[in-house]
PDB file of N, CA and C in Angstrom:
ATOM      1  N   GLY A   1     -20.643  -7.975  17.184  1.00  0.00           N
ATOM      2  CA  GLY A   1     -19.499  -7.223  17.625  1.00  0.00           C
ATOM      3  C   GLY A   1     -18.230  -7.549  16.863  1.00  0.00           C
ATOM      4  N   VAL A   2     -18.322  -8.399  15.829  1.00  0.00           N
ATOM      5  CA  VAL A   2     -17.127  -8.752  15.068  1.00  0.00           C
ATOM      6  C   VAL A   2     -16.995  -7.791  13.893  1.00  0.00           C
ATOM      7  N   ARG A   3     -15.795  -7.243  13.731  1.00  0.00           N
ATOM      8  CA  ARG A   3     -15.511  -6.371  12.592  1.00  0.00           C
ATOM      9  C   ARG A   3     -14.534  -7.076  11.669  1.00  0.00           C
ATOM     10  N   VAL A   4     -14.765  -6.943  10.380  1.00  0.00           N
ATOM     11  CA  VAL A   4     -13.882  -7.556   9.392  1.00  0.00           C
ATOM     12  C   VAL A   4     -13.486  -6.491   8.380  1.00  0.00           C
ATOM     13  N   ASN A   5     -12.197  -6.229   8.298  1.00  0.00           N
ATOM     14  CA  ASN A   5     -11.659  -5.254   7.359  1.00  0.00           C
ATOM     15  C   ASN A   5     -10.417  -5.853   6.706  1.00  0.00           C
ATOM     16  N   ALA A   6     -10.052  -5.318   5.551  1.00  0.00           N
ATOM     17  CA  ALA A   6      -8.857  -5.785   4.848  1.00  0.00           C
ATOM     18  C   ALA A   6      -8.024  -4.579   4.430  1.00  0.00           C
ATOM     19  N   VAL A   7      -6.717  -4.754   4.450  1.00  0.00           N
ATOM     20  CA  VAL A   7      -5.784  -3.739   3.986  1.00  0.00           C
ATOM     21  C   VAL A   7      -5.158  -4.270   2.701  1.00  0.00           C
ATOM     22  N   ASN A   8      -5.212  -3.466   1.649  1.00  0.00           N
ATOM     23  CA  ASN A   8      -4.690  -3.854   0.338  1.00  0.00           C
ATOM     24  C   ASN A   8      -3.487  -2.982  -0.007  1.00  0.00           C
ATOM     25  N   PRO A   9      -2.279  -3.448   0.325  1.00  0.00           N
ATOM     26  CA  PRO A   9      -1.090  -2.624   0.093  1.00  0.00           C
ATOM     27  C   PRO A   9      -0.563  -2.730  -1.332  1.00  0.00           C
ATOM     28  N   THR A  10       0.325  -1.829  -1.654  1.00  0.00           N
ATOM     29  CA  THR A  10       1.089  -1.869  -2.890  1.00  0.00           C
ATOM     30  C   THR A  10       2.403  -2.591  -2.602  1.00  0.00           C
ATOM     31  N   LEU A  11       3.386  -2.373  -3.414  1.00  0.00           N
ATOM     32  CA  LEU A  11       4.732  -2.899  -3.161  1.00  0.00           C
ATOM     33  C   LEU A  11       5.211  -2.402  -1.802  1.00  0.00           C
ATOM     34  N   VAL A  12       5.605  -3.330  -0.937  1.00  0.00           N
ATOM     35  CA  VAL A  12       6.112  -2.978   0.388  1.00  0.00           C
ATOM     36  C   VAL A  12       7.553  -3.489   0.477  1.00  0.00           C
ATOM     37  N   TYR A  13       8.445  -2.615   0.905  1.00  0.00           N
ATOM     38  CA  TYR A  13       9.853  -2.984   1.021  1.00  0.00           C
ATOM     39  C   TYR A  13      10.080  -3.799   2.287  1.00  0.00           C
ATOM     40  N   THR A  14      10.116  -5.106   2.112  1.00  0.00           N
ATOM     41  CA  THR A  14      10.333  -6.056   3.203  1.00  0.00           C
ATOM     42  C   THR A  14      11.344  -7.102   2.725  1.00  0.00           C
ATOM     43  N   PRO A  15      11.779  -7.997   3.598  1.00  0.00           N
ATOM     44  CA  PRO A  15      12.653  -9.085   3.149  1.00  0.00           C
ATOM     45  C   PRO A  15      11.999  -9.940   2.056  1.00  0.00           C
ATOM     46  N   PHE A  16      10.675 -10.026   2.060  1.00  0.00           N
ATOM     47  CA  PHE A  16       9.966 -10.812   1.049  1.00  0.00           C
ATOM     48  C   PHE A  16      10.183 -10.242  -0.353  1.00  0.00           C
ATOM     49  N   THR A  17      10.330  -8.925  -0.461  1.00  0.00           N
ATOM     50  CA  THR A  17      10.524  -8.289  -1.768  1.00  0.00           C
ATOM     51  C   THR A  17      11.984  -7.913  -2.023  1.00  0.00           C
ATOM     52  N   ALA A  18      12.897  -8.444  -1.226  1.00  0.00           N
ATOM     53  CA  ALA A  18      14.315  -8.082  -1.343  1.00  0.00           C
ATOM     54  C   ALA A  18      14.871  -8.376  -2.732  1.00  0.00           C
ATOM     55  N   GLY A  19      14.516  -9.505  -3.322  1.00  0.00           N
ATOM     56  CA  GLY A  19      15.006  -9.836  -4.656  1.00  0.00           C
ATOM     57  C   GLY A  19      14.562  -8.827  -5.692  1.00  0.00           C
ATOM     58  N   MET A  20      13.385  -8.321  -5.518  1.00  0.00           N
ATOM     59  CA  MET A  20      12.851  -7.310  -6.418  1.00  0.00           C
ATOM     60  C   MET A  20      13.571  -5.971  -6.214  1.00  0.00           C
ATOM     61  N   GLN A  21      13.859  -5.655  -4.967  1.00  0.00           N
ATOM     62  CA  GLN A  21      14.511  -4.390  -4.641  1.00  0.00           C
ATOM     63  C   GLN A  21      15.922  -4.314  -5.209  1.00  0.00           C
ATOM     64  N   ASP A  22      16.517  -5.460  -5.483  1.00  0.00           N
ATOM     65  CA  ASP A  22      17.863  -5.512  -6.056  1.00  0.00           C
ATOM     66  C   ASP A  22      17.863  -5.227  -7.555  1.00  0.00           C
ATOM     67  N   GLN A  23      16.682  -4.939  -8.113  1.00  0.00           N
ATOM     68  CA  GLN A  23      16.551  -4.669  -9.545  1.00  0.00           C
ATOM     69  C   GLN A  23      16.042  -3.231  -9.736  1.00  0.00           C
ATOM     70  N   PRO A  24      16.956  -2.270  -9.772  1.00  0.00           N
ATOM     71  CA  PRO A  24      16.560  -0.855  -9.832  1.00  0.00           C
ATOM     72  C   PRO A  24      15.599  -0.521 -10.975  1.00  0.00           C
ATOM     73  N   GLU A  25      15.778  -1.151 -12.130  1.00  0.00           N
ATOM     74  CA  GLU A  25      14.887  -0.859 -13.263  1.00  0.00           C
ATOM     75  C   GLU A  25      13.462  -1.318 -12.965  1.00  0.00           C
ATOM     76  N   LEU A  26      13.324  -2.463 -12.321  1.00  0.00           N
ATOM     77  CA  LEU A  26      12.002  -2.980 -11.964  1.00  0.00           C
ATOM     78  C   LEU A  26      11.339  -2.086 -10.922  1.00  0.00           C
ATOM     79  N   VAL A  27      12.089  -1.688  -9.910  1.00  0.00           N
ATOM     80  CA  VAL A  27      11.553  -0.794  -8.875  1.00  0.00           C
ATOM     81  C   VAL A  27      11.139   0.530  -9.509  1.00  0.00           C
ATOM     82  N   ALA A  28      11.925   1.034 -10.426  1.00  0.00           N
ATOM     83  CA  ALA A  28      11.593   2.296 -11.104  1.00  0.00           C
ATOM     84  C   ALA A  28      10.274   2.167 -11.857  1.00  0.00           C
ATOM     85  N   LYS A  29      10.037   1.028 -12.496  1.00  0.00           N
ATOM     86  CA  LYS A  29       8.769   0.805 -13.216  1.00  0.00           C
ATOM     87  C   LYS A  29       7.596   0.802 -12.241  1.00  0.00           C
ATOM     88  N   PHE A  30       7.751   0.156 -11.107  1.00  0.00           N
ATOM     89  CA  PHE A  30       6.697   0.188 -10.078  1.00  0.00           C
ATOM     90  C   PHE A  30       6.460   1.626  -9.618  1.00  0.00           C
ATOM     91  N   ASN A  31       7.531   2.349  -9.335  1.00  0.00           N
ATOM     92  CA  ASN A  31       7.420   3.721  -8.837  1.00  0.00           C
ATOM     93  C   ASN A  31       6.734   4.647  -9.838  1.00  0.00           C
ATOM     94  N   GLU A  32       6.889   4.379 -11.134  1.00  0.00           N
ATOM     95  CA  GLU A  32       6.208   5.168 -12.159  1.00  0.00           C
ATOM     96  C   GLU A  32       4.692   5.047 -12.035  1.00  0.00           C
ATOM     97  N   ARG A  33       4.218   3.916 -11.561  1.00  0.00           N
ATOM     98  CA  ARG A  33       2.778   3.656 -11.488  1.00  0.00           C
ATOM     99  C   ARG A  33       2.165   4.041 -10.142  1.00  0.00           C
ATOM    100  N   ILE A  34       2.999   4.387  -9.185  1.00  0.00           N
ATOM    101  CA  ILE A  34       2.520   4.773  -7.856  1.00  0.00           C
ATOM    102  C   ILE A  34       2.543   6.296  -7.781  1.00  0.00           C
ATOM    103  N   PRO A  35       1.381   6.949  -7.701  1.00  0.00           N
ATOM    104  CA  PRO A  35       1.369   8.409  -7.686  1.00  0.00           C
ATOM    105  C   PRO A  35       2.268   9.046  -6.622  1.00  0.00           C
ATOM    106  N   MET A  36       2.461   8.395  -5.488  1.00  0.00           N
ATOM    107  CA  MET A  36       3.355   8.952  -4.469  1.00  0.00           C
ATOM    108  C   MET A  36       4.820   8.741  -4.822  1.00  0.00           C
ATOM    109  N   GLY A  37       5.085   7.984  -5.897  1.00  0.00           N
ATOM    110  CA  GLY A  37       6.439   7.857  -6.424  1.00  0.00           C
ATOM    111  C   GLY A  37       7.343   6.866  -5.726  1.00  0.00           C
ATOM    112  N   ARG A  38       6.787   6.043  -4.855  1.00  0.00           N
ATOM    113  CA  ARG A  38       7.636   5.065  -4.144  1.00  0.00           C
ATOM    114  C   ARG A  38       6.781   3.925  -3.615  1.00  0.00           C
ATOM    115  N   GLY A  39       7.444   2.837  -3.335  1.00  0.00           N
ATOM    116  CA  GLY A  39       6.782   1.736  -2.648  1.00  0.00           C
ATOM    117  C   GLY A  39       6.640   2.067  -1.177  1.00  0.00           C
ATOM    118  N   ALA A  40       5.915   1.222  -0.469  1.00  0.00           N
ATOM    119  CA  ALA A  40       5.635   1.461   0.952  1.00  0.00           C
ATOM    120  C   ALA A  40       6.726   0.886   1.844  1.00  0.00           C
ATOM    121  N   GLN A  41       6.917   1.528   2.964  1.00  0.00           N
ATOM    122  CA  GLN A  41       7.714   0.980   4.049  1.00  0.00           C
ATOM    123  C   GLN A  41       6.744   0.235   4.974  1.00  0.00           C
ATOM    124  N   PRO A  42       7.202  -0.752   5.716  1.00  0.00           N
ATOM    125  CA  PRO A  42       6.297  -1.473   6.615  1.00  0.00           C
ATOM    126  C   PRO A  42       5.499  -0.552   7.541  1.00  0.00           C
ATOM    127  N   ASP A  43       6.114   0.537   8.022  1.00  0.00           N
ATOM    128  CA  ASP A  43       5.401   1.470   8.903  1.00  0.00           C
ATOM    129  C   ASP A  43       4.226   2.161   8.199  1.00  0.00           C
ATOM    130  N   ASP A  44       4.321   2.314   6.869  1.00  0.00           N
ATOM    131  CA  ASP A  44       3.220   2.903   6.120  1.00  0.00           C
ATOM    132  C   ASP A  44       1.972   2.022   6.196  1.00  0.00           C
ATOM    133  N   ILE A  45       2.184   0.740   6.273  1.00  0.00           N
ATOM    134  CA  ILE A  45       1.078  -0.215   6.308  1.00  0.00           C
ATOM    135  C   ILE A  45       0.649  -0.513   7.747  1.00  0.00           C
ATOM    136  N   SER A  46       1.617  -0.679   8.630  1.00  0.00           N
ATOM    137  CA  SER A  46       1.284  -1.075  10.009  1.00  0.00           C
ATOM    138  C   SER A  46       0.477  -0.017  10.741  1.00  0.00           C
ATOM    139  N   GLY A  47       0.700   1.248  10.425  1.00  0.00           N
ATOM    140  CA  GLY A  47      -0.085   2.306  11.061  1.00  0.00           C
ATOM    141  C   GLY A  47      -1.562   2.202  10.715  1.00  0.00           C
ATOM    142  N   VAL A  48      -1.852   1.850   9.477  1.00  0.00           N
ATOM    143  CA  VAL A  48      -3.241   1.684   9.041  1.00  0.00           C
ATOM    144  C   VAL A  48      -3.868   0.477   9.730  1.00  0.00           C
ATOM    145  N   ILE A  49      -3.109  -0.601   9.831  1.00  0.00           N
ATOM    146  CA  ILE A  49      -3.608  -1.801  10.517  1.00  0.00           C
ATOM    147  C   ILE A  49      -3.877  -1.492  11.986  1.00  0.00           C
ATOM    148  N   ALA A  50      -2.960  -0.761  12.615  1.00  0.00           N
ATOM    149  CA  ALA A  50      -3.156  -0.391  14.022  1.00  0.00           C
ATOM    150  C   ALA A  50      -4.422   0.453  14.191  1.00  0.00           C
ATOM    151  N   PHE A  51      -4.656   1.377  13.257  1.00  0.00           N
ATOM    152  CA  PHE A  51      -5.876   2.180  13.322  1.00  0.00           C
ATOM    153  C   PHE A  51      -7.113   1.289  13.216  1.00  0.00           C
ATOM    154  N   LEU A  52      -7.146   0.397  12.230  1.00  0.00           N
ATOM    155  CA  LEU A  52      -8.319  -0.459  12.048  1.00  0.00           C
ATOM    156  C   LEU A  52      -8.562  -1.370  13.246  1.00  0.00           C
ATOM    157  N   ALA A  53      -7.499  -1.722  13.953  1.00  0.00           N
ATOM    158  CA  ALA A  53      -7.640  -2.579  15.130  1.00  0.00           C
ATOM    159  C   ALA A  53      -7.960  -1.788  16.394  1.00  0.00           C
ATOM    160  N   SER A  54      -7.892  -0.464  16.293  1.00  0.00           N
ATOM    161  CA  SER A  54      -8.070   0.376  17.477  1.00  0.00           C
ATOM    162  C   SER A  54      -9.534   0.704  17.736  1.00  0.00           C
ATOM    163  N   GLU A  55      -9.754   1.261  18.910  1.00  0.00           N
ATOM    164  CA  GLU A  55     -11.091   1.712  19.290  1.00  0.00           C
ATOM    165  C   GLU A  55     -11.537   2.897  18.415  1.00  0.00           C
ATOM    166  N   ASP A  56     -10.585   3.622  17.842  1.00  0.00           N
ATOM    167  CA  ASP A  56     -10.934   4.730  16.947  1.00  0.00           C
ATOM    168  C   ASP A  56     -11.703   4.258  15.713  1.00  0.00           C
ATOM    169  N   ALA A  57     -11.510   3.009  15.332  1.00  0.00           N
ATOM    170  CA  ALA A  57     -12.186   2.444  14.151  1.00  0.00           C
ATOM    171  C   ALA A  57     -13.326   1.511  14.559  1.00  0.00           C
ATOM    172  N   ARG A  58     -13.874   1.712  15.736  1.00  0.00           N
ATOM    173  CA  ARG A  58     -14.883   0.788  16.277  1.00  0.00           C
ATOM    174  C   ARG A  58     -16.144   0.667  15.422  1.00  0.00           C
ATOM    175  N   PHE A  59     -16.404   1.645  14.548  1.00  0.00           N
ATOM    176  CA  PHE A  59     -17.602   1.608  13.723  1.00  0.00           C
ATOM    177  C   PHE A  59     -17.253   1.358  12.255  1.00  0.00           C
ATOM    178  N   VAL A  60     -16.022   0.904  12.001  1.00  0.00           N
ATOM    179  CA  VAL A  60     -15.565   0.597  10.644  1.00  0.00           C
ATOM    180  C   VAL A  60     -15.598  -0.907  10.466  1.00  0.00           C
ATOM    181  N   THR A  61     -16.357  -1.369   9.487  1.00  0.00           N
ATOM    182  CA  THR A  61     -16.386  -2.790   9.175  1.00  0.00           C
ATOM    183  C   THR A  61     -16.735  -2.991   7.706  1.00  0.00           C
ATOM    184  N   GLY A  62     -16.260  -4.076   7.145  1.00  0.00           N
ATOM    185  CA  GLY A  62     -16.540  -4.384   5.751  1.00  0.00           C
ATOM    186  C   GLY A  62     -15.751  -3.558   4.758  1.00  0.00           C
ATOM    187  N   VAL A  63     -14.595  -3.062   5.185  1.00  0.00           N
ATOM    188  CA  VAL A  63     -13.787  -2.172   4.349  1.00  0.00           C
ATOM    189  C   VAL A  63     -12.611  -2.931   3.741  1.00  0.00           C
ATOM    190  N   ASN A  64     -12.389  -2.724   2.446  1.00  0.00           N
ATOM    191  CA  ASN A  64     -11.151  -3.120   1.772  1.00  0.00           C
ATOM    192  C   ASN A  64     -10.403  -1.818   1.537  1.00  0.00           C
ATOM    193  N   LEU A  65      -9.439  -1.539   2.386  1.00  0.00           N
ATOM    194  CA  LEU A  65      -8.767  -0.238   2.381  1.00  0.00           C
ATOM    195  C   LEU A  65      -7.465  -0.291   1.585  1.00  0.00           C
ATOM    196  N   PRO A  66      -7.427   0.394   0.441  1.00  0.00           N
ATOM    197  CA  PRO A  66      -6.171   0.434  -0.304  1.00  0.00           C
ATOM    198  C   PRO A  66      -5.154   1.326   0.411  1.00  0.00           C
ATOM    199  N   VAL A  67      -3.979   0.792   0.624  1.00  0.00           N
ATOM    200  CA  VAL A  67      -2.859   1.557   1.187  1.00  0.00           C
ATOM    201  C   VAL A  67      -1.749   1.409   0.145  1.00  0.00           C
ATOM    202  N   ASP A  68      -1.965   2.117  -0.957  1.00  0.00           N
ATOM    203  CA  ASP A  68      -1.174   1.857  -2.156  1.00  0.00           C
ATOM    204  C   ASP A  68      -0.552   3.094  -2.786  1.00  0.00           C
ATOM    205  N   GLY A  69      -0.436   4.169  -2.023  1.00  0.00           N
ATOM    206  CA  GLY A  69       0.206   5.369  -2.545  1.00  0.00           C
ATOM    207  C   GLY A  69      -0.554   6.031  -3.678  1.00  0.00           C
ATOM    208  N   GLY A  70      -1.830   5.696  -3.829  1.00  0.00           N
ATOM    209  CA  GLY A  70      -2.667   6.322  -4.843  1.00  0.00           C
ATOM    210  C   GLY A  70      -2.901   5.497  -6.088  1.00  0.00           C
ATOM    211  N   VAL A  71      -2.361   4.276  -6.146  1.00  0.00           N
ATOM    212  CA  VAL A  71      -2.527   3.456  -7.354  1.00  0.00           C
ATOM    213  C   VAL A  71      -4.002   3.232  -7.668  1.00  0.00           C
ATOM    214  N   SER A  72      -4.784   2.871  -6.675  1.00  0.00           N
ATOM    215  CA  SER A  72      -6.195   2.565  -6.936  1.00  0.00           C
ATOM    216  C   SER A  72      -7.015   3.820  -7.244  1.00  0.00           C
ATOM    217  N   ALA A  73      -6.507   4.981  -6.908  1.00  0.00           N
ATOM    218  CA  ALA A  73      -7.204   6.230  -7.219  1.00  0.00           C
ATOM    219  C   ALA A  73      -6.809   6.763  -8.597  1.00  0.00           C
ATOM    220  N   SER A  74      -5.805   6.148  -9.204  1.00  0.00           N
ATOM    221  CA  SER A  74      -5.355   6.557 -10.531  1.00  0.00           C
ATOM    222  C   SER A  74      -5.718   5.454 -11.515  1.00  0.00           C
ATOM    223  N   ASN A  75      -5.304   5.630 -12.737  1.00  0.00           N
ATOM    224  CA  ASN A  75      -5.531   4.562 -13.709  1.00  0.00           C
ATOM    225  C   ASN A  75      -4.390   3.567 -13.714  1.00  0.00           C
ATOM    226  N   GLY A  76      -3.408   3.760 -12.852  1.00  0.00           N
ATOM    227  CA  GLY A  76      -2.294   2.824 -12.734  1.00  0.00           C
ATOM    228  C   GLY A  76      -1.287   2.887 -13.853  1.00  0.00           C
ATOM    229  N   GLN A  77      -1.409   3.896 -14.701  1.00  0.00           N
ATOM    230  CA  GLN A  77      -0.486   4.030 -15.817  1.00  0.00           C
ATOM    231  C   GLN A  77       0.591   5.048 -15.488  1.00  0.00           C
ATOM    232  N   PRO A  78       1.792   4.842 -16.014  1.00  0.00           N
ATOM    233  CA  PRO A  78       2.849   5.822 -15.765  1.00  0.00           C
ATOM    234  C   PRO A  78       2.499   7.171 -16.375  1.00  0.00           C
ATOM    235  N   LYS A  79       3.088   8.228 -15.815  1.00  0.00           N
ATOM    236  CA  LYS A  79       2.878   9.581 -16.340  1.00  0.00           C
ATOM    237  C   LYS A  79       3.474   9.674 -17.728  1.00  0.00           C
ATOM    238  N   LEU A  80       2.804  10.431 -18.588  1.00  0.00           N
ATOM    239  CA  LEU A  80       3.347  10.663 -19.937  1.00  0.00           C
ATOM    240  C   LEU A  80       4.464  11.690 -19.844  1.00  0.00           C
ATOM    241  N   SER A  81       5.479  11.480 -20.623  1.00  0.00           N
ATOM    242  CA  SER A  81       6.615  12.422 -20.619  1.00  0.00           C
ATOM    243  C   SER A  81       6.308  13.625 -21.444  1.00  0.00           C
TER     244      SER A  81
END
C-alpha cells in the first residue's frame, strides 16, 4: 500500500532562488530554455504534489513527474531567432 513518486521541478521562484531572480539576464536565459517561457511559481508545483498525495492518484506509483514547463519534452535549447 506504499506509493513512491517524485516531482522534478524546473526553476521555482522562491526565497531560495531570490539571488538568482535579482539577475534579469540569468532569468531570461532560463526562460529561453523553458517552452512555457517562465519559471514556476510555488503553486505550479504544490498542485501537482497535492494531486499525487490525493486519493485521485491512488494507482500512481513509481513516477518521476517533470513539472518543468516543457523542458524535459524539448531538447532544452533556446529557440533559434
